[in-house]
Amino acid sequence: MANDNFDKLIQTHGKRTKPDDFMQRRAMNNVKAHWQETLIKKRKQRNFRIVGIAASLFVVVGMVVLMNSNLTINKVQFSNDQYVQGQLMVSTDGKNWQTNQGKSLSSAKWIKTSTDSYASLTLTDNSQLRVNQNSIIKVIDPLVIELVEGELYIDADDSIENSPLLIQTTQGNVKHIGTRYLVKSVNKKLELAVRNGLIELNNNDLKQQLQAGKKLNMTNKGDINISKIGKDEQLWKWTLLAAEPFAPKNKSLNEFIEWYAHENDLKINWNNNEAKTKRVKLSGELSNLNQSQQLKAVFLSTKFDYKINQGILSIL
């Protein structure tokens, strides 16, 4: 096609003095060579621009991929902080386990506690997830976990997110509406207990809500029994073992009382002492004491006293 265009181009010049054949062929060849060289340069320039555009697109696409990767990394962050008694084991495949050394956890991991090991995880929405001993959970998403075996306690009273944590079990999925509750799944048997608020169990066509002060037991055959549960029953005790101890430094007596009442599901009767307890500053170390011992030790260091009766913590 290039030769045909060249011949047409030559023919458009009209009649001129005809040189000899040698000079004519050399001139035509020189013009043709120059024209072809020009075409090649234009093609190279066009290809260079195409390559440049493609490279720019590649860079842009790469940046988008990196941005999406960063977003994904942020999205899968599961736990911001943790308190562990014993050992908290993590795995990427549920088979090969190692001790978690960091203060945070990301998703796509398995989490396991052994005998006499407990964990309290502060999730990204500021809620708390406590893991009992001999438990295994799989983090599917920041808001979705699977309780493979064992027992969990969720405290979502301080959650800053509207989307509740979804807990998957072989017997059904559990979600909450602003609450504190317990989920236990062992040998395909499910136990739920609500300390505060409301939770919902979904299992195929079954949708069952459970209110505060209620306990649900489901057999491996799907039979359900609902009963009342008290504030001081044994099944709550392990949640106190898993809780991070109160840190007195730069805290007031008022903050300690609020914390203790929350942990033990107690109402507070201040007896006109609320403002006074805010002026009492604490110090020392309580990490080696259980919560009952912490309560006694703190009040012995102040001029105040306390009494617990029928779910009420009275400040005297």
Protein backbone atom coordinates (compact mmCIF):
# COMPACT_ATOMS: atom_id res chain seq x y z
CA MET A 1 0.00 0.00 0.00
CA ALA A 2 2.93 2.35 0.78
CA ASN A 3 4.33 1.87 -2.76
CA ASP A 4 0.94 2.62 -4.39
CA ASN A 5 0.57 5.84 -2.38
CA PHE A 6 4.10 6.83 -3.29
CA ASP A 7 3.44 6.28 -7.03
CA LYS A 8 0.27 8.38 -6.87
CA LEU A 9 2.18 11.10 -5.03
CA ILE A 10 4.84 11.20 -7.75
CA GLN A 11 2.22 11.30 -10.52
CA THR A 12 0.55 14.45 -9.12
CA HIS A 13 3.55 16.69 -9.90
CA GLY A 14 2.66 17.03 -13.58
CA LYS A 15 4.97 17.28 -16.62
CA ARG A 16 8.49 18.39 -16.13
CA THR A 17 11.81 18.13 -17.96
CA LYS A 18 12.52 14.47 -18.07
CA PRO A 19 15.93 13.53 -16.72
CA ASP A 20 17.76 10.45 -17.82
CA ASP A 21 16.58 7.08 -16.49
CA PHE A 22 19.36 6.71 -13.92
CA MET A 23 18.78 10.13 -12.34
CA GLN A 24 15.03 9.61 -12.39
CA ARG A 25 15.25 6.25 -10.58
CA ARG A 26 17.75 7.64 -8.04
CA ALA A 27 15.56 10.65 -7.32
CA MET A 28 12.48 8.49 -6.99
CA ASN A 29 14.33 6.10 -4.69
CA ASN A 30 15.61 8.99 -2.53
CA VAL A 31 12.14 10.49 -2.23
CA LYS A 32 10.64 7.08 -1.51
CA ALA A 33 13.28 6.33 1.13
CA HIS A 34 12.73 9.71 2.80
CA TRP A 35 8.98 9.21 2.76
CA GLN A 36 9.23 5.69 4.22
CA GLU A 37 11.62 6.96 6.90
CA THR A 38 9.08 9.63 7.82
CA LEU A 39 6.32 7.00 8.05
CA ILE A 40 8.48 4.82 10.30
CA LYS A 41 9.19 7.78 12.61
CA LYS A 42 5.50 8.57 12.83
CA ARG A 43 4.68 4.95 13.63
CA LYS A 44 7.36 4.92 16.33
CA GLN A 45 6.03 8.16 17.80
CA ARG A 46 2.50 6.75 17.77
CA ASN A 47 3.65 3.48 19.34
CA PHE A 48 5.63 5.42 21.94
CA ARG A 49 2.52 7.42 22.83
CA ILE A 50 0.50 4.21 23.08
CA VAL A 51 3.14 2.64 25.30
CA GLY A 52 3.20 5.81 27.40
CA ILE A 53 -0.56 5.77 27.76
CA ALA A 54 -0.49 2.06 28.63
CA ALA A 55 2.24 2.68 31.19
CA SER A 56 0.22 5.50 32.71
CA LEU A 57 -2.82 3.26 32.85
CA PHE A 58 -0.70 0.56 34.44
CA VAL A 59 0.55 3.00 37.07
CA VAL A 60 -2.98 4.23 37.75
CA VAL A 61 -4.31 0.69 37.93
CA GLY A 62 -1.40 -0.26 40.18
CA MET A 63 -2.16 2.65 42.47
CA VAL A 64 -5.82 1.64 42.61
CA VAL A 65 -4.84 -1.93 43.42
CA LEU A 66 -2.52 -0.71 46.16
CA MET A 67 -5.21 1.60 47.51
CA ASN A 68 -7.70 -1.26 47.48
CA SER A 69 -5.13 -3.48 49.16
CA ASN A 70 -4.64 -0.90 51.89
CA LEU A 71 -8.36 -0.57 52.28
CA THR A 72 -8.62 -4.34 52.52
CA ILE A 73 -5.90 -4.45 55.15
CA ASN A 74 -7.69 -1.82 57.19
CA LYS A 75 -11.00 -3.54 56.70
CA VAL A 76 -9.84 -6.92 57.93
CA GLN A 77 -8.35 -5.56 61.13
CA PHE A 78 -10.16 -7.48 63.85
CA SER A 79 -8.74 -6.53 67.23
CA ASN A 80 -6.97 -3.36 68.35
CA ASP A 81 -5.85 -4.59 71.75
CA GLN A 82 -5.82 -7.73 73.82
CA TYR A 83 -5.32 -8.95 77.36
CA VAL A 84 -4.24 -12.57 77.70
CA GLN A 85 -3.83 -14.87 80.66
CA GLY A 86 -1.88 -17.93 79.64
CA GLN A 87 -1.38 -18.23 75.89
CA LEU A 88 -3.34 -17.04 72.89
CA MET A 89 -2.56 -19.17 69.84
CA VAL A 90 -3.16 -18.06 66.25
CA SER A 91 -3.13 -19.88 62.92
CA THR A 92 -3.70 -19.08 59.26
CA ASP A 93 -4.98 -22.56 58.38
CA GLY A 94 -6.36 -24.00 61.62
CA LYS A 95 -3.58 -26.58 61.73
CA ASN A 96 -0.28 -24.85 62.36
CA TRP A 97 -0.38 -22.80 65.54
CA GLN A 98 1.91 -20.21 67.08
CA THR A 99 1.75 -17.84 70.05
CA ASN A 100 0.42 -14.42 69.17
CA GLN A 101 2.96 -11.82 70.27
CA GLY A 102 1.33 -8.61 69.07
CA LYS A 103 -1.35 -6.41 70.57
CA SER A 104 -3.64 -6.63 67.54
CA LEU A 105 -5.22 -9.31 65.39
CA SER A 106 -6.29 -9.30 61.75
CA SER A 107 -8.90 -11.50 60.13
CA ALA A 108 -8.37 -14.71 58.13
CA LYS A 109 -6.91 -16.17 61.31
CA TRP A 110 -7.87 -18.88 63.72
CA ILE A 111 -7.65 -18.14 67.44
CA LYS A 112 -7.28 -20.76 70.17
CA THR A 113 -6.96 -20.85 73.95
CA SER A 114 -5.75 -23.88 75.89
CA THR A 115 -6.55 -24.98 79.44
CA ASP A 116 -6.22 -22.14 81.97
CA SER A 117 -5.79 -19.59 79.17
CA TYR A 118 -8.21 -16.69 78.67
CA ALA A 119 -8.30 -13.69 76.35
CA SER A 120 -10.07 -10.36 76.27
CA LEU A 121 -9.99 -8.73 72.82
CA THR A 122 -10.97 -5.13 72.19
CA LEU A 123 -12.50 -5.13 68.71
CA THR A 124 -12.32 -2.31 66.18
CA ASP A 125 -15.83 -1.13 67.12
CA ASN A 126 -14.70 -0.78 70.78
CA SER A 127 -16.75 -3.78 71.93
CA GLN A 128 -15.07 -6.58 73.90
CA LEU A 129 -14.84 -10.25 73.03
CA ARG A 130 -13.74 -12.57 75.82
CA VAL A 131 -12.62 -16.09 75.02
CA ASN A 132 -12.88 -18.88 77.59
CA GLN A 133 -10.27 -21.61 78.00
CA ASN A 134 -10.24 -24.51 75.50
CA SER A 135 -11.97 -22.45 72.80
CA ILE A 136 -11.39 -22.10 69.06
CA ILE A 137 -12.77 -19.30 66.87
CA LYS A 138 -12.27 -18.44 63.23
CA VAL A 139 -12.29 -14.80 62.17
CA ILE A 140 -14.09 -14.56 58.85
CA ASP A 141 -14.62 -10.80 58.77
CA PRO A 142 -14.26 -7.95 61.28
CA LEU A 143 -17.97 -8.37 62.01
CA VAL A 144 -18.28 -12.12 61.44
CA ILE A 145 -16.66 -14.90 63.47
CA GLU A 146 -17.24 -18.62 63.73
CA LEU A 147 -17.26 -20.26 67.15
CA VAL A 148 -15.81 -23.64 66.25
CA GLU A 149 -15.70 -24.90 69.82
CA GLY A 150 -15.80 -23.37 73.28
CA GLU A 151 -17.30 -20.26 74.84
CA LEU A 152 -17.40 -16.51 74.19
CA TYR A 153 -18.66 -13.49 76.07
CA ILE A 154 -19.51 -10.28 74.20
CA ASP A 155 -19.74 -6.87 75.84
CA ALA A 156 -21.06 -4.40 73.26
CA ASP A 157 -22.26 -1.70 75.65
CA ASP A 158 -19.52 0.68 74.48
CA SER A 159 -19.68 -0.25 70.79
CA ILE A 160 -19.32 2.68 68.40
CA GLU A 161 -20.72 0.80 65.39
CA ASN A 162 -24.30 0.15 64.36
CA SER A 163 -23.46 -3.18 62.73
CA PRO A 164 -23.43 -5.92 65.38
CA LEU A 165 -20.98 -8.79 65.54
CA LEU A 166 -22.37 -11.97 63.96
CA ILE A 167 -21.35 -15.24 65.63
CA GLN A 168 -21.71 -18.37 63.53
CA THR A 169 -22.13 -21.79 65.15
CA THR A 170 -23.13 -25.17 63.82
CA GLN A 171 -26.52 -24.70 65.50
CA GLY A 172 -27.23 -21.23 64.08
CA ASN A 173 -26.08 -17.63 63.91
CA VAL A 174 -26.26 -15.22 66.83
CA LYS A 175 -26.37 -11.43 66.69
CA HIS A 176 -27.16 -8.79 69.26
CA ILE A 177 -28.91 -5.48 69.70
CA GLY A 178 -26.68 -3.58 72.15
CA THR A 179 -26.00 -6.05 74.91
CA ARG A 180 -23.80 -8.32 77.00
CA TYR A 181 -24.24 -12.02 76.39
CA LEU A 182 -22.60 -15.43 76.37
CA VAL A 183 -22.39 -18.02 73.58
CA LYS A 184 -21.26 -21.59 74.23
CA SER A 185 -20.98 -24.30 71.58
CA VAL A 186 -19.69 -27.71 72.66
CA ASN A 187 -20.39 -31.11 71.07
CA LYS A 188 -22.98 -29.50 68.76
CA LYS A 189 -24.95 -28.23 71.74
CA LEU A 190 -25.65 -24.51 72.00
CA GLU A 191 -26.06 -22.39 75.12
CA LEU A 192 -26.94 -18.69 75.10
CA ALA A 193 -27.26 -16.41 78.13
CA VAL A 194 -28.15 -12.71 78.08
CA ARG A 195 -26.92 -10.39 80.79
CA ASN A 196 -28.21 -7.18 79.27
CA GLY A 197 -30.14 -6.20 76.14
CA LEU A 198 -31.40 -8.56 73.46
CA ILE A 199 -29.96 -11.17 71.10
CA GLU A 200 -31.37 -13.08 68.16
CA LEU A 201 -30.70 -16.67 67.06
CA ASN A 202 -31.24 -17.62 63.42
CA ASN A 203 -31.22 -21.26 62.37
CA ASN A 204 -32.78 -22.05 58.98
CA ASP A 205 -36.47 -21.20 59.45
CA LEU A 206 -36.07 -20.59 63.17
CA LYS A 207 -35.73 -17.04 64.49
CA GLN A 208 -35.60 -16.84 68.27
CA GLN A 209 -35.03 -13.70 70.36
CA LEU A 210 -33.69 -13.87 73.88
CA GLN A 211 -33.96 -11.09 76.46
CA ALA A 212 -31.86 -10.18 79.50
CA GLY A 213 -32.11 -12.65 82.38
CA LYS A 214 -32.86 -15.56 80.03
CA LYS A 215 -30.88 -18.62 79.03
CA LEU A 216 -31.38 -20.81 75.97
CA ASN A 217 -30.22 -24.39 75.59
CA MET A 218 -30.39 -26.16 72.23
CA THR A 219 -29.63 -29.88 71.90
CA ASN A 220 -27.76 -31.38 68.97
CA LYS A 221 -31.20 -32.38 67.62
CA GLY A 222 -32.46 -28.80 67.64
CA ASP A 223 -34.68 -29.01 70.73
CA ILE A 224 -34.83 -25.69 72.62
CA ASN A 225 -35.33 -24.94 76.28
CA ILE A 226 -35.53 -21.38 77.67
CA SER A 227 -35.16 -20.62 81.36
CA LYS A 228 -34.33 -17.76 83.73
CA ILE A 229 -30.77 -17.03 84.76
CA GLY A 230 -29.52 -15.05 87.75
CA LYS A 231 -26.74 -12.47 87.96
CA ASP A 232 -24.54 -14.63 90.20
CA GLU A 233 -24.81 -17.99 88.46
CA GLN A 234 -21.68 -20.03 87.86
CA LEU A 235 -21.64 -19.69 84.08
CA TRP A 236 -20.68 -15.98 84.39
CA LYS A 237 -17.64 -16.64 86.61
CA TRP A 238 -15.13 -17.33 83.87
CA THR A 239 -15.89 -13.95 82.22
CA LEU A 240 -14.36 -12.26 85.27
CA LEU A 241 -11.22 -14.40 84.93
CA ALA A 242 -10.87 -13.28 81.32
CA ALA A 243 -11.43 -9.59 82.08
CA GLU A 244 -8.51 -7.20 82.07
CA PRO A 245 -7.83 -6.02 85.64
CA PHE A 246 -8.62 -2.44 86.59
CA ALA A 247 -5.59 -0.15 86.32
CA PRO A 248 -5.78 2.33 89.25
CA LYS A 249 -3.13 4.77 87.98
CA ASN A 250 -4.67 8.21 87.34
CA LYS A 251 -8.14 6.78 87.99
CA SER A 252 -10.69 7.77 90.62
CA LEU A 253 -12.67 5.69 93.09
CA ASN A 254 -15.75 6.63 91.10
CA GLU A 255 -14.29 5.05 87.93
CA PHE A 256 -13.44 1.88 89.82
CA ILE A 257 -16.97 1.59 91.22
CA GLU A 258 -18.48 2.11 87.75
CA TRP A 259 -16.14 -0.54 86.31
CA TYR A 260 -16.83 -3.08 89.04
CA ALA A 261 -20.62 -2.61 88.79
CA HIS A 262 -20.47 -3.06 85.01
CA GLU A 263 -18.34 -6.20 85.24
CA ASN A 264 -20.65 -7.81 87.81
CA ASP A 265 -23.95 -6.50 86.41
CA LEU A 266 -24.76 -4.47 89.51
CA LYS A 267 -26.76 -1.31 89.97
CA ILE A 268 -25.17 1.45 92.08
CA ASN A 269 -26.74 3.22 95.00
CA TRP A 270 -24.42 6.19 95.58
CA ASN A 271 -26.13 7.43 98.76
CA ASN A 272 -25.12 10.99 97.82
CA ASN A 273 -21.46 9.94 97.59
CA GLU A 274 -21.03 10.02 93.80
CA ALA A 275 -19.36 13.45 93.65
CA LYS A 276 -17.14 12.66 96.65
CA THR A 277 -15.83 9.43 95.07
CA LYS A 278 -14.72 11.40 92.01
CA ARG A 279 -12.28 13.36 94.19
CA VAL A 280 -10.60 10.20 95.53
CA LYS A 281 -7.60 9.23 93.37
CA LEU A 282 -6.27 5.68 93.37
CA SER A 283 -2.79 4.23 93.01
CA GLY A 284 -1.07 0.88 93.38
CA GLU A 285 -1.37 -2.41 91.52
CA LEU A 286 -4.39 -4.72 91.33
CA SER A 287 -3.44 -7.12 88.54
CA ASN A 288 -2.58 -9.97 90.92
CA LEU A 289 -5.99 -9.87 92.66
CA ASN A 290 -9.32 -11.24 91.53
CA GLN A 291 -12.23 -8.81 91.28
CA SER A 292 -13.61 -9.56 94.73
CA GLN A 293 -10.17 -8.96 96.26
CA GLN A 294 -9.76 -5.79 94.21
CA LEU A 295 -13.03 -4.43 95.60
CA LYS A 296 -11.94 -5.04 99.20
CA ALA A 297 -8.43 -3.66 98.67
CA VAL A 298 -9.66 -0.45 97.04
CA PHE A 299 -12.21 0.36 99.73
CA LEU A 300 -9.78 -0.44 102.53
CA SER A 301 -7.56 2.34 101.16
CA THR A 302 -10.38 4.92 101.41
CA LYS A 303 -12.75 6.22 104.07
CA PHE A 304 -15.72 4.73 102.18
CA ASP A 305 -17.36 1.35 102.60
CA TYR A 306 -19.71 -0.73 100.45
CA LYS A 307 -22.42 -3.34 100.60
CA ILE A 308 -23.80 -5.66 97.91
CA ASN A 309 -27.35 -6.90 98.27
CA GLN A 310 -29.84 -8.15 95.67
CA GLY A 311 -27.85 -6.88 92.70
CA ILE A 312 -27.22 -3.41 94.20
CA LEU A 313 -23.80 -2.03 95.12
CA SER A 314 -24.34 0.55 97.85
CA ILE A 315 -21.61 3.09 98.62
CA LEU A 316 -21.48 3.95 102.34
